[in-house]
PDB file of N, CA and C in Angstrom:
ATOM      1  N   GLN A   1       0.835  -1.191   0.000  1.00  0.00           N
ATOM      2  CA  GLN A   1       0.000   0.000   0.000  1.00  0.00           C
ATOM      3  C   GLN A   1       0.872   1.244   0.000  1.00  0.00           C
ATOM      4  N   VAL A   2       0.447   2.252  -0.728  1.00  0.00           N
ATOM      5  CA  VAL A   2       1.142   3.527  -0.794  1.00  0.00           C
ATOM      6  C   VAL A   2       0.428   4.513   0.109  1.00  0.00           C
ATOM      7  N   GLN A   3       1.185   5.261   0.852  1.00  0.00           N
ATOM      8  CA  GLN A   3       0.608   6.284   1.689  1.00  0.00           C
ATOM      9  C   GLN A   3       1.550   7.479   1.792  1.00  0.00           C
ATOM     10  N   LEU A   4       0.951   8.643   2.043  1.00  0.00           N
ATOM     11  CA  LEU A   4       1.692   9.864   2.289  1.00  0.00           C
ATOM     12  C   LEU A   4       1.425  10.295   3.721  1.00  0.00           C
ATOM     13  N   VAL A   5       2.480  10.522   4.467  1.00  0.00           N
ATOM     14  CA  VAL A   5       2.363  10.912   5.860  1.00  0.00           C
ATOM     15  C   VAL A   5       2.967  12.293   6.039  1.00  0.00           C
ATOM     16  N   GLU A   6       2.151  13.231   6.522  1.00  0.00           N
ATOM     17  CA  GLU A   6       2.567  14.605   6.696  1.00  0.00           C
ATOM     18  C   GLU A   6       2.893  14.901   8.152  1.00  0.00           C
ATOM     19  N   SER A   7       3.726  15.905   8.338  1.00  0.00           N
ATOM     20  CA  SER A   7       4.035  16.387   9.671  1.00  0.00           C
ATOM     21  C   SER A   7       4.507  17.828   9.581  1.00  0.00           C
ATOM     22  N   GLY A   8       4.516  18.517  10.710  1.00  0.00           N
ATOM     23  CA  GLY A   8       5.080  19.854  10.780  1.00  0.00           C
ATOM     24  C   GLY A   8       4.088  20.987  10.932  1.00  0.00           C
ATOM     25  N   GLY A   9       2.809  20.709  10.846  1.00  0.00           N
ATOM     26  CA  GLY A   9       1.822  21.760  11.013  1.00  0.00           C
ATOM     27  C   GLY A   9       1.735  22.215  12.451  1.00  0.00           C
ATOM     28  N   GLY A  10       1.068  23.332  12.656  1.00  0.00           N
ATOM     29  CA  GLY A  10       0.917  23.844  14.001  1.00  0.00           C
ATOM     30  C   GLY A  10       0.443  25.269  14.026  1.00  0.00           C
ATOM     31  N   LEU A  11       0.571  25.871  15.190  1.00  0.00           N
ATOM     32  CA  LEU A  11       0.165  27.251  15.426  1.00  0.00           C
ATOM     33  C   LEU A  11       1.399  28.132  15.504  1.00  0.00           C
ATOM     34  N   VAL A  12       1.375  29.237  14.779  1.00  0.00           N
ATOM     35  CA  VAL A  12       2.513  30.138  14.755  1.00  0.00           C
ATOM     36  C   VAL A  12       2.013  31.571  14.635  1.00  0.00           C
ATOM     37  N   GLN A  13       2.779  32.498  15.172  1.00  0.00           N
ATOM     38  CA  GLN A  13       2.436  33.911  15.051  1.00  0.00           C
ATOM     39  C   GLN A  13       2.799  34.440  13.673  1.00  0.00           C
ATOM     40  N   ALA A  14       2.104  35.483  13.260  1.00  0.00           N
ATOM     41  CA  ALA A  14       2.425  36.127  11.993  1.00  0.00           C
ATOM     42  C   ALA A  14       3.898  36.523  11.969  1.00  0.00           C
ATOM     43  N   GLY A  15       4.532  36.264  10.836  1.00  0.00           N
ATOM     44  CA  GLY A  15       5.948  36.526  10.693  1.00  0.00           C
ATOM     45  C   GLY A  15       6.827  35.339  11.025  1.00  0.00           C
ATOM     46  N   GLY A  16       6.247  34.312  11.605  1.00  0.00           N
ATOM     47  CA  GLY A  16       7.000  33.135  11.976  1.00  0.00           C
ATOM     48  C   GLY A  16       7.168  32.161  10.831  1.00  0.00           C
ATOM     49  N   SER A  17       7.726  31.005  11.162  1.00  0.00           N
ATOM     50  CA  SER A  17       8.039  30.002  10.155  1.00  0.00           C
ATOM     51  C   SER A  17       7.584  28.618  10.590  1.00  0.00           C
ATOM     52  N   LEU A  18       7.277  27.796   9.614  1.00  0.00           N
ATOM     53  CA  LEU A  18       6.987  26.388   9.809  1.00  0.00           C
ATOM     54  C   LEU A  18       7.598  25.607   8.664  1.00  0.00           C
ATOM     55  N   ARG A  19       7.920  24.363   8.933  1.00  0.00           N
ATOM     56  CA  ARG A  19       8.446  23.479   7.908  1.00  0.00           C
ATOM     57  C   ARG A  19       7.598  22.217   7.871  1.00  0.00           C
ATOM     58  N   LEU A  20       6.923  21.999   6.758  1.00  0.00           N
ATOM     59  CA  LEU A  20       6.116  20.813   6.566  1.00  0.00           C
ATOM     60  C   LEU A  20       6.922  19.749   5.837  1.00  0.00           C
ATOM     61  N   SER A  21       6.654  18.511   6.153  1.00  0.00           N
ATOM     62  CA  SER A  21       7.266  17.411   5.440  1.00  0.00           C
ATOM     63  C   SER A  21       6.209  16.379   5.103  1.00  0.00           C
ATOM     64  N   CYS A  22       6.464  15.639   4.044  1.00  0.00           N
ATOM     65  CA  CYS A  22       5.543  14.611   3.590  1.00  0.00           C
ATOM     66  C   CYS A  22       6.362  13.485   2.981  1.00  0.00           C
ATOM     67  N   ALA A  23       6.241  12.313   3.550  1.00  0.00           N
ATOM     68  CA  ALA A  23       6.999  11.159   3.101  1.00  0.00           C
ATOM     69  C   ALA A  23       6.080  10.127   2.468  1.00  0.00           C
ATOM     70  N   ALA A  24       6.429   9.716   1.272  1.00  0.00           N
ATOM     71  CA  ALA A  24       5.710   8.648   0.597  1.00  0.00           C
ATOM     72  C   ALA A  24       6.357   7.313   0.932  1.00  0.00           C
ATOM     73  N   SER A  25       5.543   6.337   1.241  1.00  0.00           N
ATOM     74  CA  SER A  25       6.068   5.026   1.593  1.00  0.00           C
ATOM     75  C   SER A  25       5.163   3.946   1.021  1.00  0.00           C
ATOM     76  N   GLY A  26       5.668   2.730   1.035  1.00  0.00           N
ATOM     77  CA  GLY A  26       4.919   1.601   0.527  1.00  0.00           C
ATOM     78  C   GLY A  26       5.557   1.023  -0.715  1.00  0.00           C
ATOM     79  N   SER A  27       4.753   0.340  -1.500  1.00  0.00           N
ATOM     80  CA  SER A  27       5.233  -0.321  -2.709  1.00  0.00           C
ATOM     81  C   SER A  27       5.238   0.671  -3.861  1.00  0.00           C
ATOM     82  N   ILE A  28       6.345   1.372  -4.013  1.00  0.00           N
ATOM     83  CA  ILE A  28       6.468   2.461  -4.974  1.00  0.00           C
ATOM     84  C   ILE A  28       7.507   2.127  -6.026  1.00  0.00           C
ATOM     85  N   PHE A  29       7.132   2.325  -7.283  1.00  0.00           N
ATOM     86  CA  PHE A  29       8.086   2.210  -8.365  1.00  0.00           C
ATOM     87  C   PHE A  29       8.753   3.548  -8.646  1.00  0.00           C
ATOM     88  N   ARG A  30       7.948   4.588  -8.752  1.00  0.00           N
ATOM     89  CA  ARG A  30       8.487   5.902  -9.044  1.00  0.00           C
ATOM     90  C   ARG A  30       7.545   6.984  -8.535  1.00  0.00           C
ATOM     91  N   VAL A  31       8.126   8.045  -8.002  1.00  0.00           N
ATOM     92  CA  VAL A  31       7.378   9.227  -7.606  1.00  0.00           C
ATOM     93  C   VAL A  31       7.663  10.325  -8.615  1.00  0.00           C
ATOM     94  N   ASN A  32       6.626  10.816  -9.246  1.00  0.00           N
ATOM     95  CA  ASN A  32       6.796  11.899 -10.210  1.00  0.00           C
ATOM     96  C   ASN A  32       6.657  13.238  -9.483  1.00  0.00           C
ATOM     97  N   ALA A  33       5.778  14.090  -9.960  1.00  0.00           N
ATOM     98  CA  ALA A  33       5.628  15.400  -9.341  1.00  0.00           C
ATOM     99  C   ALA A  33       5.040  15.280  -7.941  1.00  0.00           C
ATOM    100  N   MET A  34       5.438  16.196  -7.075  1.00  0.00           N
ATOM    101  CA  MET A  34       4.890  16.289  -5.735  1.00  0.00           C
ATOM    102  C   MET A  34       4.496  17.744  -5.492  1.00  0.00           C
ATOM    103  N   GLY A  35       3.565  17.943  -4.599  1.00  0.00           N
ATOM    104  CA  GLY A  35       3.136  19.306  -4.351  1.00  0.00           C
ATOM    105  C   GLY A  35       2.385  19.451  -3.047  1.00  0.00           C
ATOM    106  N   TRP A  36       2.110  20.697  -2.744  1.00  0.00           N
ATOM    107  CA  TRP A  36       1.337  21.053  -1.568  1.00  0.00           C
ATOM    108  C   TRP A  36       0.127  21.875  -1.980  1.00  0.00           C
ATOM    109  N   TYR A  37      -1.016  21.500  -1.464  1.00  0.00           N
ATOM    110  CA  TYR A  37      -2.254  22.240  -1.620  1.00  0.00           C
ATOM    111  C   TYR A  37      -2.714  22.713  -0.257  1.00  0.00           C
ATOM    112  N   ARG A  38      -3.559  23.710  -0.257  1.00  0.00           N
ATOM    113  CA  ARG A  38      -4.147  24.138   1.002  1.00  0.00           C
ATOM    114  C   ARG A  38      -5.605  24.510   0.791  1.00  0.00           C
ATOM    115  N   GLN A  39      -6.353  24.391   1.861  1.00  0.00           N
ATOM    116  CA  GLN A  39      -7.752  24.765   1.841  1.00  0.00           C
ATOM    117  C   GLN A  39      -8.040  25.612   3.074  1.00  0.00           C
ATOM    118  N   ALA A  40      -8.307  26.872   2.832  1.00  0.00           N
ATOM    119  CA  ALA A  40      -8.648  27.787   3.902  1.00  0.00           C
ATOM    120  C   ALA A  40     -10.140  27.706   4.184  1.00  0.00           C
ATOM    121  N   PRO A  41     -10.559  28.149   5.365  1.00  0.00           N
ATOM    122  CA  PRO A  41     -11.988  28.151   5.662  1.00  0.00           C
ATOM    123  C   PRO A  41     -12.781  28.912   4.607  1.00  0.00           C
ATOM    124  N   GLU A  42     -13.854  28.323   4.154  1.00  0.00           N
ATOM    125  CA  GLU A  42     -14.753  28.914   3.163  1.00  0.00           C
ATOM    126  C   GLU A  42     -14.083  29.156   1.812  1.00  0.00           C
ATOM    127  N   LYS A  43     -12.982  28.470   1.560  1.00  0.00           N
ATOM    128  CA  LYS A  43     -12.280  28.603   0.293  1.00  0.00           C
ATOM    129  C   LYS A  43     -12.119  27.236  -0.366  1.00  0.00           C
ATOM    130  N   GLN A  44     -11.889  27.257  -1.668  1.00  0.00           N
ATOM    131  CA  GLN A  44     -11.605  26.033  -2.392  1.00  0.00           C
ATOM    132  C   GLN A  44     -10.139  25.644  -2.220  1.00  0.00           C
ATOM    133  N   ARG A  45      -9.861  24.375  -2.398  1.00  0.00           N
ATOM    134  CA  ARG A  45      -8.493  23.911  -2.315  1.00  0.00           C
ATOM    135  C   ARG A  45      -7.672  24.503  -3.469  1.00  0.00           C
ATOM    136  N   GLU A  46      -6.480  24.968  -3.159  1.00  0.00           N
ATOM    137  CA  GLU A  46      -5.635  25.589  -4.158  1.00  0.00           C
ATOM    138  C   GLU A  46      -4.219  25.039  -4.096  1.00  0.00           C
ATOM    139  N   LEU A  47      -3.566  25.056  -5.238  1.00  0.00           N
ATOM    140  CA  LEU A  47      -2.167  24.635  -5.308  1.00  0.00           C
ATOM    141  C   LEU A  47      -1.284  25.717  -4.724  1.00  0.00           C
ATOM    142  N   VAL A  48      -0.425  25.327  -3.795  1.00  0.00           N
ATOM    143  CA  VAL A  48       0.516  26.248  -3.170  1.00  0.00           C
ATOM    144  C   VAL A  48       1.866  26.196  -3.876  1.00  0.00           C
ATOM    145  N   ALA A  49       2.381  24.997  -4.055  1.00  0.00           N
ATOM    146  CA  ALA A  49       3.684  24.812  -4.681  1.00  0.00           C
ATOM    147  C   ALA A  49       3.794  23.396  -5.201  1.00  0.00           C
ATOM    148  N   SER A  50       4.574  23.226  -6.238  1.00  0.00           N
ATOM    149  CA  SER A  50       4.808  21.906  -6.795  1.00  0.00           C
ATOM    150  C   SER A  50       6.262  21.783  -7.207  1.00  0.00           C
ATOM    151  N   ILE A  51       6.708  20.541  -7.338  1.00  0.00           N
ATOM    152  CA  ILE A  51       8.080  20.285  -7.734  1.00  0.00           C
ATOM    153  C   ILE A  51       8.122  18.991  -8.533  1.00  0.00           C
ATOM    154  N   THR A  52       8.830  19.017  -9.644  1.00  0.00           N
ATOM    155  CA  THR A  52       8.959  17.834 -10.475  1.00  0.00           C
ATOM    156  C   THR A  52      10.035  16.923  -9.918  1.00  0.00           C
ATOM    157  N   SER A  53      10.130  15.739 -10.496  1.00  0.00           N
ATOM    158  CA  SER A  53      11.154  14.803 -10.061  1.00  0.00           C
ATOM    159  C   SER A  53      12.556  15.338 -10.315  1.00  0.00           C
ATOM    160  N   GLY A  54      12.693  16.237 -11.283  1.00  0.00           N
ATOM    161  CA  GLY A  54      13.977  16.840 -11.589  1.00  0.00           C
ATOM    162  C   GLY A  54      14.286  18.098 -10.809  1.00  0.00           C
ATOM    163  N   GLY A  55      13.340  18.568  -9.993  1.00  0.00           N
ATOM    164  CA  GLY A  55      13.592  19.713  -9.150  1.00  0.00           C
ATOM    165  C   GLY A  55      13.048  21.034  -9.645  1.00  0.00           C
ATOM    166  N   SER A  56      12.317  21.042 -10.742  1.00  0.00           N
ATOM    167  CA  SER A  56      11.700  22.273 -11.227  1.00  0.00           C
ATOM    168  C   SER A  56      10.511  22.627 -10.343  1.00  0.00           C
ATOM    169  N   THR A  57      10.428  23.891  -9.933  1.00  0.00           N
ATOM    170  CA  THR A  57       9.409  24.309  -8.964  1.00  0.00           C
ATOM    171  C   THR A  57       8.429  25.304  -9.556  1.00  0.00           C
ATOM    172  N   ASN A  58       7.264  25.364  -8.925  1.00  0.00           N
ATOM    173  CA  ASN A  58       6.227  26.306  -9.292  1.00  0.00           C
ATOM    174  C   ASN A  58       5.506  26.737  -8.022  1.00  0.00           C
ATOM    175  N   TYR A  59       5.173  28.033  -7.930  1.00  0.00           N
ATOM    176  CA  TYR A  59       4.546  28.570  -6.734  1.00  0.00           C
ATOM    177  C   TYR A  59       3.327  29.406  -7.077  1.00  0.00           C
ATOM    178  N   ALA A  60       2.374  29.379  -6.178  1.00  0.00           N
ATOM    179  CA  ALA A  60       1.278  30.327  -6.260  1.00  0.00           C
ATOM    180  C   ALA A  60       1.819  31.734  -6.041  1.00  0.00           C
ATOM    181  N   ASP A  61       1.227  32.710  -6.718  1.00  0.00           N
ATOM    182  CA  ASP A  61       1.709  34.082  -6.602  1.00  0.00           C
ATOM    183  C   ASP A  61       1.708  34.572  -5.154  1.00  0.00           C
ATOM    184  N   SER A  62       0.755  34.119  -4.375  1.00  0.00           N
ATOM    185  CA  SER A  62       0.606  34.605  -3.014  1.00  0.00           C
ATOM    186  C   SER A  62       1.728  34.161  -2.078  1.00  0.00           C
ATOM    187  N   VAL A  63       2.495  33.153  -2.460  1.00  0.00           N
ATOM    188  CA  VAL A  63       3.540  32.644  -1.581  1.00  0.00           C
ATOM    189  C   VAL A  63       4.934  32.808  -2.153  1.00  0.00           C
ATOM    190  N   LYS A  64       5.052  33.329  -3.344  1.00  0.00           N
ATOM    191  CA  LYS A  64       6.365  33.510  -3.954  1.00  0.00           C
ATOM    192  C   LYS A  64       7.242  34.405  -3.093  1.00  0.00           C
ATOM    193  N   GLY A  65       8.473  33.976  -2.900  1.00  0.00           N
ATOM    194  CA  GLY A  65       9.405  34.719  -2.082  1.00  0.00           C
ATOM    195  C   GLY A  65       9.336  34.394  -0.615  1.00  0.00           C
ATOM    196  N   ARG A  66       8.301  33.689  -0.188  1.00  0.00           N
ATOM    197  CA  ARG A  66       8.142  33.342   1.224  1.00  0.00           C
ATOM    198  C   ARG A  66       8.239  31.843   1.472  1.00  0.00           C
ATOM    199  N   PHE A  67       7.725  31.057   0.549  1.00  0.00           N
ATOM    200  CA  PHE A  67       7.720  29.604   0.696  1.00  0.00           C
ATOM    201  C   PHE A  67       8.751  28.981  -0.235  1.00  0.00           C
ATOM    202  N   THR A  68       9.309  27.866   0.180  1.00  0.00           N
ATOM    203  CA  THR A  68      10.247  27.122  -0.637  1.00  0.00           C
ATOM    204  C   THR A  68       9.898  25.641  -0.589  1.00  0.00           C
ATOM    205  N   ILE A  69       9.691  25.049  -1.747  1.00  0.00           N
ATOM    206  CA  ILE A  69       9.427  23.622  -1.821  1.00  0.00           C
ATOM    207  C   ILE A  69      10.708  22.909  -2.240  1.00  0.00           C
ATOM    208  N   SER A  70      10.943  21.759  -1.663  1.00  0.00           N
ATOM    209  CA  SER A  70      12.114  20.965  -1.995  1.00  0.00           C
ATOM    210  C   SER A  70      11.774  19.493  -1.822  1.00  0.00           C
ATOM    211  N   ARG A  71      12.659  18.631  -2.275  1.00  0.00           N
ATOM    212  CA  ARG A  71      12.413  17.204  -2.128  1.00  0.00           C
ATOM    213  C   ARG A  71      13.715  16.449  -1.977  1.00  0.00           C
ATOM    214  N   ASP A  72      13.613  15.314  -1.347  1.00  0.00           N
ATOM    215  CA  ASP A  72      14.716  14.384  -1.197  1.00  0.00           C
ATOM    216  C   ASP A  72      14.275  13.103  -1.867  1.00  0.00           C
ATOM    217  N   ASN A  73      14.757  12.877  -3.070  1.00  0.00           N
ATOM    218  CA  ASN A  73      14.296  11.729  -3.841  1.00  0.00           C
ATOM    219  C   ASN A  73      14.697  10.397  -3.202  1.00  0.00           C
ATOM    220  N   ALA A  74      15.824  10.376  -2.510  1.00  0.00           N
ATOM    221  CA  ALA A  74      16.251   9.156  -1.852  1.00  0.00           C
ATOM    222  C   ALA A  74      15.291   8.747  -0.748  1.00  0.00           C
ATOM    223  N   LYS A  75      14.602   9.719  -0.168  1.00  0.00           N
ATOM    224  CA  LYS A  75      13.658   9.455   0.914  1.00  0.00           C
ATOM    225  C   LYS A  75      12.205   9.552   0.474  1.00  0.00           C
ATOM    226  N   ASN A  76      11.974   9.859  -0.808  1.00  0.00           N
ATOM    227  CA  ASN A  76      10.615  10.071  -1.316  1.00  0.00           C
ATOM    228  C   ASN A  76       9.855  11.061  -0.445  1.00  0.00           C
ATOM    229  N   THR A  77      10.524  12.143  -0.119  1.00  0.00           N
ATOM    230  CA  THR A  77       9.973  13.129   0.797  1.00  0.00           C
ATOM    231  C   THR A  77       9.978  14.513   0.160  1.00  0.00           C
ATOM    232  N   VAL A  78       8.901  15.246   0.367  1.00  0.00           N
ATOM    233  CA  VAL A  78       8.795  16.618  -0.091  1.00  0.00           C
ATOM    234  C   VAL A  78       8.630  17.521   1.128  1.00  0.00           C
ATOM    235  N   TYR A  79       9.221  18.711   1.047  1.00  0.00           N
ATOM    236  CA  TYR A  79       9.192  19.657   2.147  1.00  0.00           C
ATOM    237  C   TYR A  79       8.599  20.980   1.679  1.00  0.00           C
ATOM    238  N   LEU A  80       8.046  21.698   2.609  1.00  0.00           N
ATOM    239  CA  LEU A  80       7.592  23.054   2.346  1.00  0.00           C
ATOM    240  C   LEU A  80       8.059  23.939   3.491  1.00  0.00           C
ATOM    241  N   GLN A  81       9.052  24.760   3.216  1.00  0.00           N
ATOM    242  CA  GLN A  81       9.533  25.734   4.185  1.00  0.00           C
ATOM    243  C   GLN A  81       8.711  27.006   4.030  1.00  0.00           C
ATOM    244  N   MET A  82       8.031  27.396   5.086  1.00  0.00           N
ATOM    245  CA  MET A  82       7.139  28.545   5.053  1.00  0.00           C
ATOM    246  C   MET A  82       7.681  29.619   5.984  1.00  0.00           C
ATOM    247  N   ASN A  83       8.084  30.728   5.405  1.00  0.00           N
ATOM    248  CA  ASN A  83       8.604  31.857   6.161  1.00  0.00           C
ATOM    249  C   ASN A  83       7.679  33.058   6.028  1.00  0.00           C
ATOM    250  N   SER A  84       7.852  34.016   6.922  1.00  0.00           N
ATOM    251  CA  SER A  84       7.052  35.243   6.907  1.00  0.00           C
ATOM    252  C   SER A  84       5.569  34.933   6.788  1.00  0.00           C
ATOM    253  N   LEU A  85       5.113  34.027   7.616  1.00  0.00           N
ATOM    254  CA  LEU A  85       3.730  33.577   7.528  1.00  0.00           C
ATOM    255  C   LEU A  85       2.743  34.691   7.851  1.00  0.00           C
ATOM    256  N   LYS A  86       1.628  34.649   7.154  1.00  0.00           N
ATOM    257  CA  LYS A  86       0.555  35.621   7.309  1.00  0.00           C
ATOM    258  C   LYS A  86      -0.723  34.913   7.739  1.00  0.00           C
ATOM    259  N   PRO A  87      -1.630  35.617   8.390  1.00  0.00           N
ATOM    260  CA  PRO A  87      -2.897  34.984   8.774  1.00  0.00           C
ATOM    261  C   PRO A  87      -3.630  34.354   7.593  1.00  0.00           C
ATOM    262  N   GLU A  88      -3.526  34.934   6.420  1.00  0.00           N
ATOM    263  CA  GLU A  88      -4.192  34.381   5.254  1.00  0.00           C
ATOM    264  C   GLU A  88      -3.580  33.072   4.766  1.00  0.00           C
ATOM    265  N   ASP A  89      -2.449  32.674   5.340  1.00  0.00           N
ATOM    266  CA  ASP A  89      -1.874  31.369   5.045  1.00  0.00           C
ATOM    267  C   ASP A  89      -2.544  30.250   5.833  1.00  0.00           C
ATOM    268  N   THR A  90      -3.404  30.600   6.747  1.00  0.00           N
ATOM    269  CA  THR A  90      -4.082  29.616   7.579  1.00  0.00           C
ATOM    270  C   THR A  90      -4.926  28.672   6.735  1.00  0.00           C
ATOM    271  N   GLY A  91      -4.865  27.398   7.058  1.00  0.00           N
ATOM    272  CA  GLY A  91      -5.661  26.413   6.363  1.00  0.00           C
ATOM    273  C   GLY A  91      -5.133  25.015   6.606  1.00  0.00           C
ATOM    274  N   VAL A  92      -5.788  24.064   5.998  1.00  0.00           N
ATOM    275  CA  VAL A  92      -5.326  22.687   6.037  1.00  0.00           C
ATOM    276  C   VAL A  92      -4.459  22.443   4.815  1.00  0.00           C
ATOM    277  N   TYR A  93      -3.252  21.997   5.044  1.00  0.00           N
ATOM    278  CA  TYR A  93      -2.300  21.758   3.969  1.00  0.00           C
ATOM    279  C   TYR A  93      -2.246  20.273   3.646  1.00  0.00           C
ATOM    280  N   TYR A  94      -2.374  19.966   2.362  1.00  0.00           N
ATOM    281  CA  TYR A  94      -2.401  18.593   1.894  1.00  0.00           C
ATOM    282  C   TYR A  94      -1.218  18.322   0.971  1.00  0.00           C
ATOM    283  N   CYS A  95      -0.525  17.263   1.238  1.00  0.00           N
ATOM    284  CA  CYS A  95       0.527  16.801   0.358  1.00  0.00           C
ATOM    285  C   CYS A  95      -0.091  15.987  -0.772  1.00  0.00           C
ATOM    286  N   ASN A  96       0.453  16.137  -1.960  1.00  0.00           N
ATOM    287  CA  ASN A  96      -0.010  15.398  -3.124  1.00  0.00           C
ATOM    288  C   ASN A  96       1.188  14.858  -3.881  1.00  0.00           C
ATOM    289  N   ALA A  97       1.041  13.658  -4.423  1.00  0.00           N
ATOM    290  CA  ALA A  97       2.116  13.081  -5.214  1.00  0.00           C
ATOM    291  C   ALA A  97       1.542  12.191  -6.295  1.00  0.00           C
ATOM    292  N   GLU A  98       2.139  12.270  -7.470  1.00  0.00           N
ATOM    293  CA  GLU A  98       1.800  11.368  -8.565  1.00  0.00           C
ATOM    294  C   GLU A  98       2.774  10.198  -8.500  1.00  0.00           C
ATOM    295  N   ILE A  99       2.239   8.999  -8.317  1.00  0.00           N
ATOM    296  CA  ILE A  99       3.068   7.837  -8.019  1.00  0.00           C
ATOM    297  C   ILE A  99       2.675   6.655  -8.893  1.00  0.00           C
ATOM    298  N   TYR A 100       3.694   5.984  -9.431  1.00  0.00           N
ATOM    299  CA  TYR A 100       3.507   4.682 -10.056  1.00  0.00           C
ATOM    300  C   TYR A 100       3.739   3.623  -8.990  1.00  0.00           C
ATOM    301  N   PRO A 101       2.713   2.898  -8.594  1.00  0.00           N
ATOM    302  CA  PRO A 101       2.925   1.824  -7.620  1.00  0.00           C
ATOM    303  C   PRO A 101       3.776   0.704  -8.208  1.00  0.00           C
ATOM    304  N   ALA A 102       4.533   0.050  -7.363  1.00  0.00           N
ATOM    305  CA  ALA A 102       5.298  -1.109  -7.805  1.00  0.00           C
ATOM    306  C   ALA A 102       4.349  -2.215  -8.248  1.00  0.00           C
ATOM    307  N   GLY A 103       4.776  -2.960  -9.252  1.00  0.00           N
ATOM    308  CA  GLY A 103       3.963  -4.044  -9.766  1.00  0.00           C
ATOM    309  C   GLY A 103       3.874  -3.988 -11.269  1.00  0.00           C
ATOM    310  N   PHE A 104       2.744  -4.395 -11.784  1.00  0.00           N
ATOM    311  CA  PHE A 104       2.581  -4.505 -13.227  1.00  0.00           C
ATOM    312  C   PHE A 104       1.768  -3.381 -13.854  1.00  0.00           C
ATOM    313  N   THR A 105       1.306  -2.476 -13.050  1.00  0.00           N
ATOM    314  CA  THR A 105       0.470  -1.401 -13.571  1.00  0.00           C
ATOM    315  C   THR A 105       1.279  -0.399 -14.387  1.00  0.00           C
ATOM    316  N   TRP A 106       0.620   0.210 -15.363  1.00  0.00           N
ATOM    317  CA  TRP A 106       1.195   1.272 -16.171  1.00  0.00           C
ATOM    318  C   TRP A 106       0.536   2.594 -15.821  1.00  0.00           C
ATOM    319  N   THR A 107      -0.211   2.582 -14.745  1.00  0.00           N
ATOM    320  CA  THR A 107      -1.004   3.731 -14.362  1.00  0.00           C
ATOM    321  C   THR A 107      -0.417   4.435 -13.154  1.00  0.00           C
ATOM    322  N   ALA A 108      -0.270   5.745 -13.270  1.00  0.00           N
ATOM    323  CA  ALA A 108       0.115   6.570 -12.136  1.00  0.00           C
ATOM    324  C   ALA A 108      -1.137   7.072 -11.434  1.00  0.00           C
ATOM    325  N   TYR A 109      -1.068   7.146 -10.128  1.00  0.00           N
ATOM    326  CA  TYR A 109      -2.190   7.602  -9.325  1.00  0.00           C
ATOM    327  C   TYR A 109      -1.802   8.831  -8.525  1.00  0.00           C
ATOM    328  N   ALA A 110      -2.765   9.679  -8.318  1.00  0.00           N
ATOM    329  CA  ALA A 110      -2.579  10.830  -7.446  1.00  0.00           C
ATOM    330  C   ALA A 110      -2.934  10.432  -6.015  1.00  0.00           C
ATOM    331  N   TYR A 111      -1.963  10.536  -5.136  1.00  0.00           N
ATOM    332  CA  TYR A 111      -2.168  10.220  -3.731  1.00  0.00           C
ATOM    333  C   TYR A 111      -2.173  11.496  -2.908  1.00  0.00           C
ATOM    334  N   TRP A 112      -2.913  11.451  -1.824  1.00  0.00           N
ATOM    335  CA  TRP A 112      -3.062  12.605  -0.947  1.00  0.00           C
ATOM    336  C   TRP A 112      -2.708  12.240   0.482  1.00  0.00           C
ATOM    337  N   GLY A 113      -2.056  13.169   1.148  1.00  0.00           N
ATOM    338  CA  GLY A 113      -1.838  13.031   2.572  1.00  0.00           C
ATOM    339  C   GLY A 113      -3.103  13.322   3.338  1.00  0.00           C
ATOM    340  N   GLN A 114      -3.044  13.117   4.635  1.00  0.00           N
ATOM    341  CA  GLN A 114      -4.235  13.273   5.471  1.00  0.00           C
ATOM    342  C   GLN A 114      -4.562  14.732   5.765  1.00  0.00           C
ATOM    343  N   GLY A 115      -3.641  15.626   5.494  1.00  0.00           N
ATOM    344  CA  GLY A 115      -3.821  17.031   5.789  1.00  0.00           C
ATOM    345  C   GLY A 115      -3.250  17.403   7.143  1.00  0.00           C
ATOM    346  N   THR A 116      -2.650  18.571   7.216  1.00  0.00           N
ATOM    347  CA  THR A 116      -2.120  19.066   8.476  1.00  0.00           C
ATOM    348  C   THR A 116      -2.517  20.529   8.630  1.00  0.00           C
ATOM    349  N   GLN A 117      -2.985  20.873   9.806  1.00  0.00           N
ATOM    350  CA  GLN A 117      -3.496  22.216  10.057  1.00  0.00           C
ATOM    351  C   GLN A 117      -2.364  23.198  10.292  1.00  0.00           C
ATOM    352  N   VAL A 118      -2.418  24.314   9.587  1.00  0.00           N
ATOM    353  CA  VAL A 118      -1.510  25.432   9.806  1.00  0.00           C
ATOM    354  C   VAL A 118      -2.353  26.633  10.202  1.00  0.00           C
ATOM    355  N   THR A 119      -2.080  27.169  11.369  1.00  0.00           N
ATOM    356  CA  THR A 119      -2.816  28.326  11.863  1.00  0.00           C
ATOM    357  C   THR A 119      -1.835  29.447  12.168  1.00  0.00           C
ATOM    358  N   VAL A 120      -2.064  30.600  11.553  1.00  0.00           N
ATOM    359  CA  VAL A 120      -1.209  31.760  11.746  1.00  0.00           C
ATOM    360  C   VAL A 120      -2.026  32.833  12.448  1.00  0.00           C
ATOM    361  N   SER A 121      -1.609  33.197  13.629  1.00  0.00           N
ATOM    362  CA  SER A 121      -2.325  34.182  14.424  1.00  0.00           C
ATOM    363  C   SER A 121      -1.790  35.578  14.153  1.00  0.00           C
ATOM    364  N   SER A 122      -2.621  36.576  14.468  1.00  0.00           N
ATOM    365  CA  SER A 122      -2.234  37.969  14.292  1.00  0.00           C
ATOM    366  C   SER A 122      -1.398  38.458  15.462  1.00  0.00           C
TER     367      SER A 122
END
């Protein structure tokens, strides 16, 4: 079974920092793109940042210059370093990864982490 396990969420004051991590484990052949989404109260889920297997990154305009996404391919882990946090960054953050499970399948699946709460106070 493939699963994504997130950690690092919590409560922080505005201007502070948090580092999220998400590790993929199980019967994995290959992990392609990985990313972070968030869902704020009364808002739709949105892409925050993504990173390809080769390290190419993409960010939402609202977090450019403040957040940094990275990955450790040897550990099948993606990170999100969040600096200069703002109250509007508050929400549930979900890790996402496109993964080819080990075996005979030719199909990649999108897997999701359980979500981790990030709360930024004023």
